C-alpha atoms as a PDB file:
ATOM      1  CA  ARG A   1       7.673 -11.236 -15.581  1.00  0.00           C
ATOM      2  CA  GLY A   2       8.968 -14.854 -16.320  1.00  0.00           C
ATOM      3  CA  GLU A   3      12.095 -14.294 -13.678  1.00  0.00           C
ATOM      4  CA  SER A   4      12.637 -14.829 -10.161  1.00  0.00           C
ATOM      5  CA  SER A   5      15.237 -15.282  -7.929  1.00  0.00           C
ATOM      6  CA  THR A   6      16.023 -17.082  -4.096  1.00  0.00           C
ATOM      7  CA  PHE A   7      18.829 -14.688  -4.250  1.00  0.00           C
ATOM      8  CA  ILE A   8      17.353 -11.358  -1.685  1.00  0.00           C
ATOM      9  CA  PRO A   9      19.052  -8.600  -3.380  1.00  0.00           C
ATOM     10  CA  LYS A  10      18.129  -9.799  -6.871  1.00  0.00           C
ATOM     11  CA  CYS A  11      14.406 -10.192  -5.776  1.00  0.00           C
ATOM     12  CA  ILE A  12      14.982  -6.215  -4.107  1.00  0.00           C
ATOM     13  CA  TRP A  13      15.922  -5.307  -7.654  1.00  0.00           C
ATOM     14  CA  LEU A  14      13.402  -7.502  -9.723  1.00  0.00           C
ATOM     15  CA  ALA A  15      10.511  -5.155  -7.047  1.00  0.00           C
ATOM     16  CA  LEU A  16      12.068  -2.109  -7.348  1.00  0.00           C
ATOM     17  CA  THR A  17      12.510  -1.951 -11.440  1.00  0.00           C
ATOM     18  CA  THR A  18       9.046  -3.529 -12.054  1.00  0.00           C
ATOM     19  CA  PRO A  19       7.003  -0.130 -13.186  1.00  0.00           C
ATOM     20  CA  GLN A  20       3.504   0.519 -11.854  1.00  0.00           C
ATOM     21  CA  ASP A  21       1.748  -0.338 -15.391  1.00  0.00           C
ATOM     22  CA  ARG A  22       3.101  -3.659 -15.184  1.00  0.00           C
ATOM     23  CA  VAL A  23       1.854  -4.448 -11.723  1.00  0.00           C
ATOM     24  CA  ASN A  24      -1.288  -3.423 -12.524  1.00  0.00           C
ATOM     25  CA  GLY A  25      -1.324  -5.380 -15.580  1.00  0.00           C
ATOM     26  CA  ASP A  26      -0.178  -8.353 -14.044  1.00  0.00           C
ATOM     27  CA  LEU A  27      -3.000  -8.094 -11.470  1.00  0.00           C
ATOM     28  CA  ASP A  28      -5.822  -6.874 -13.690  1.00  0.00           C
ATOM     29  CA  CYS A  29      -7.248 -10.186 -14.633  1.00  0.00           C
ATOM     30  CA  VAL A  30      -8.377 -11.042 -11.035  1.00  0.00           C
ATOM     31  CA  GLU A  31     -12.145 -10.380 -10.153  1.00  0.00           C
ATOM     32  CA  LYS A  32     -12.098 -10.434  -6.344  1.00  0.00           C
ATOM     33  CA  LEU A  33      -8.727  -9.194  -4.560  1.00  0.00           C
ATOM     34  CA  VAL A  34      -7.314  -8.214  -0.937  1.00  0.00           C
ATOM     35  CA  VAL A  35      -3.865  -6.633  -2.261  1.00  0.00           C
ATOM     36  CA  MET A  36      -1.402  -7.215   0.528  1.00  0.00           C
ATOM     37  CA  GLY A  37       2.316  -5.176   0.015  1.00  0.00           C
ATOM     38  CA  PHE A  38       4.982  -5.134   3.023  1.00  0.00           C
ATOM     39  CA  CYS A  39       7.325  -1.722   2.541  1.00  0.00           C
ATOM     40  CA  TYR A  40       7.668  -0.719  -1.528  1.00  0.00           C
ATOM     41  CA  GLY A  41       4.956  -3.438  -2.080  1.00  0.00           C
ATOM     42  CA  GLY A  42       2.999  -1.579   0.589  1.00  0.00           C
ATOM     43  CA  GLY A  43       3.079   1.252  -1.674  1.00  0.00           C
ATOM     44  CA  LYS A  44       2.324  -0.293  -4.596  1.00  0.00           C
ATOM     45  CA  ALA A  45      -0.496  -1.832  -3.279  1.00  0.00           C
ATOM     46  CA  ILE A  46      -2.203   1.390  -2.444  1.00  0.00           C
ATOM     47  CA  ARG A  47      -1.459   2.548  -5.768  1.00  0.00           C
ATOM     48  CA  TYR A  48      -2.790  -0.278  -7.383  1.00  0.00           C
ATOM     49  CA  THR A  49      -5.965  -0.397  -5.830  1.00  0.00           C
ATOM     50  CA  THR A  50      -6.448   3.201  -6.764  1.00  0.00           C
ATOM     51  CA  GLN A  51      -5.800   3.301 -10.092  1.00  0.00           C
ATOM     52  CA  CYS A  52      -7.048  -0.307 -11.573  1.00  0.00           C
ATOM     53  CA  LYS A  53      -9.382  -1.826  -8.500  1.00  0.00           C
ATOM     54  CA  ALA A  54     -10.779   0.808  -6.836  1.00  0.00           C
ATOM     55  CA  ASP A  55     -14.254  -0.932  -7.018  1.00  0.00           C
ATOM     56  CA  SER A  56     -13.671  -4.296  -5.949  1.00  0.00           C
ATOM     57  CA  ALA A  57     -10.275  -4.853  -4.440  1.00  0.00           C
ATOM     58  CA  ALA A  58      -9.233  -4.579  -0.392  1.00  0.00           C
ATOM     59  CA  THR A  59      -5.450  -2.577   0.546  1.00  0.00           C
ATOM     60  CA  VAL A  60      -3.634  -4.018   3.260  1.00  0.00           C
ATOM     61  CA  VAL A  61      -0.212  -1.395   3.643  1.00  0.00           C
ATOM     62  CA  CYS A  62       2.445  -2.635   5.792  1.00  0.00           C
ATOM     63  CA  TYR A  63       4.839  -0.071   6.369  1.00  0.00           C
ATOM     64  CA  GLY A  64       4.244   1.186   2.752  1.00  0.00           C
ATOM     65  CA  SER A  65       4.478   4.555   1.169  1.00  0.00           C
ATOM     66  CA  PRO A  66       0.623   6.007   1.998  1.00  0.00           C
ATOM     67  CA  VAL A  67      -1.476   7.563  -0.688  1.00  0.00           C
ATOM     68  CA  THR A  68      -2.935  11.269   0.975  1.00  0.00           C
ATOM     69  CA  ASP A  69      -4.825  12.731  -2.155  1.00  0.00           C
ATOM     70  CA  VAL A  70      -8.666  12.410  -0.931  1.00  0.00           C
ATOM     71  CA  GLU A  71      -9.994  12.277  -4.550  1.00  0.00           C
ATOM     72  CA  GLU A  72      -7.720   9.607  -5.465  1.00  0.00           C
ATOM     73  CA  LEU A  73      -8.527   7.711  -2.246  1.00  0.00           C
ATOM     74  CA  SER A  74     -12.261   8.566  -2.563  1.00  0.00           C
ATOM     75  CA  LYS A  75     -12.042   6.307  -5.811  1.00  0.00           C
ATOM     76  CA  LEU A  76     -11.948   3.289  -3.050  1.00  0.00           C
ATOM     77  CA  LYS A  77     -15.388   1.106  -2.583  1.00  0.00           C
ATOM     78  CA  MET A  78     -13.320  -1.666  -0.408  1.00  0.00           C
ATOM     79  CA  PRO A  79     -11.748  -1.025   2.879  1.00  0.00           C
ATOM     80  CA  VAL A  80      -8.316  -0.295   3.898  1.00  0.00           C
ATOM     81  CA  CYS A  81      -6.360  -1.981   6.738  1.00  0.00           C
ATOM     82  CA  GLY A  82      -2.717  -0.221   7.234  1.00  0.00           C
ATOM     83  CA  VAL A  83      -0.169  -0.919   9.781  1.00  0.00           C
ATOM     84  CA  PHE A  84       2.828   0.981  10.868  1.00  0.00           C
ATOM     85  CA  GLY A  85       5.587   1.744  13.205  1.00  0.00           C
ATOM     86  CA  ALA A  86       5.304   5.422  15.368  1.00  0.00           C
ATOM     87  CA  ASN A  87       9.051   5.277  15.277  1.00  0.00           C
ATOM     88  CA  ASP A  88       9.085   5.042  11.200  1.00  0.00           C
ATOM     89  CA  PHE A  89      11.506   7.806   9.702  1.00  0.00           C
ATOM     90  CA  GLN A  90      10.140   7.258   6.247  1.00  0.00           C
ATOM     91  CA  PHE A  91       6.682   7.339   7.174  1.00  0.00           C
ATOM     92  CA  PRO A  92       6.285  10.180  10.017  1.00  0.00           C
ATOM     93  CA  MET A  93       3.662  10.037  11.713  1.00  0.00           C
ATOM     94  CA  SER A  94       2.399  13.781  10.421  1.00  0.00           C
ATOM     95  CA  LEU A  95       2.053  11.479   7.252  1.00  0.00           C
ATOM     96  CA  LEU A  96       0.541   8.737   8.650  1.00  0.00           C
ATOM     97  CA  ASP A  97      -2.040  11.197  10.525  1.00  0.00           C
ATOM     98  CA  GLN A  98      -2.561  12.847   7.280  1.00  0.00           C
ATOM     99  CA  PHE A  99      -3.142   8.834   5.476  1.00  0.00           C
ATOM    100  CA  LYS A 100      -6.112   8.359   8.097  1.00  0.00           C
ATOM    101  CA  ASP A 101      -7.913  11.797   8.054  1.00  0.00           C
ATOM    102  CA  SER A 102      -7.818  11.820   3.668  1.00  0.00           C
ATOM    103  CA  LEU A 103      -9.474   8.405   3.855  1.00  0.00           C
ATOM    104  CA  THR A 104     -12.249   9.597   6.299  1.00  0.00           C
ATOM    105  CA  LYS A 105     -12.832  12.558   4.312  1.00  0.00           C
ATOM    106  CA  ALA A 106     -13.015  10.226   1.251  1.00  0.00           C
ATOM    107  CA  GLY A 107     -14.977   7.825   2.758  1.00  0.00           C
ATOM    108  CA  VAL A 108     -13.165   4.988   2.734  1.00  0.00           C
ATOM    109  CA  GLU A 109     -13.796   2.641   5.572  1.00  0.00           C
ATOM    110  CA  ASN A 110     -10.795   2.027   7.169  1.00  0.00           C
ATOM    111  CA  ASP A 111      -8.516   0.480   9.893  1.00  0.00           C
ATOM    112  CA  ILE A 112      -4.886   2.156  10.591  1.00  0.00           C
ATOM    113  CA  CYS A 113      -3.345   0.684  13.203  1.00  0.00           C
ATOM    114  CA  ILE A 114       0.537   2.246  14.300  1.00  0.00           C
ATOM    115  CA  TYR A 115       2.326   0.482  16.933  1.00  0.00           C
ATOM    116  CA  GLU A 116       4.148   2.909  19.561  1.00  0.00           C
ATOM    117  CA  ASN A 117       7.592   2.757  20.060  1.00  0.00           C
ATOM    118  CA  VAL A 118       8.590   0.316  16.850  1.00  0.00           C
ATOM    119  CA  GLY A 119       9.748   1.998  13.446  1.00  0.00           C
ATOM    120  CA  HIS A 120      10.264   0.744   9.890  1.00  0.00           C
ATOM    121  CA  ALA A 121       8.890  -3.294   9.567  1.00  0.00           C
ATOM    122  CA  PHE A 122       8.835  -2.891  13.486  1.00  0.00           C
ATOM    123  CA  TRP A 123      12.553  -2.249  14.612  1.00  0.00           C
END
């Protein structure tokens, strides 16, 4: 809070050292919300919506760490969109399949797109 940078390594450091509770608190004052994150931010996005805005925030996860706990996901009342690469070594297909299956079992409207022949961040 109160600190920013245009130096990419510093921006990454700031993102990685911001605790989830602080991210949650910063976003709690917003009533209608779509939370979207890329990579590390994608994991933070789905965790924020399951923990704090399950009834009022949609989620977009772009190659971020998915939540696969059905009980946790069943809190969500808004849709989830996920965008991943099939060759992403961080998130193997077995994990992405589990994410899709868990969202469906939890009754969460979802659109999980997995693009063939691309890896993390579509490299």
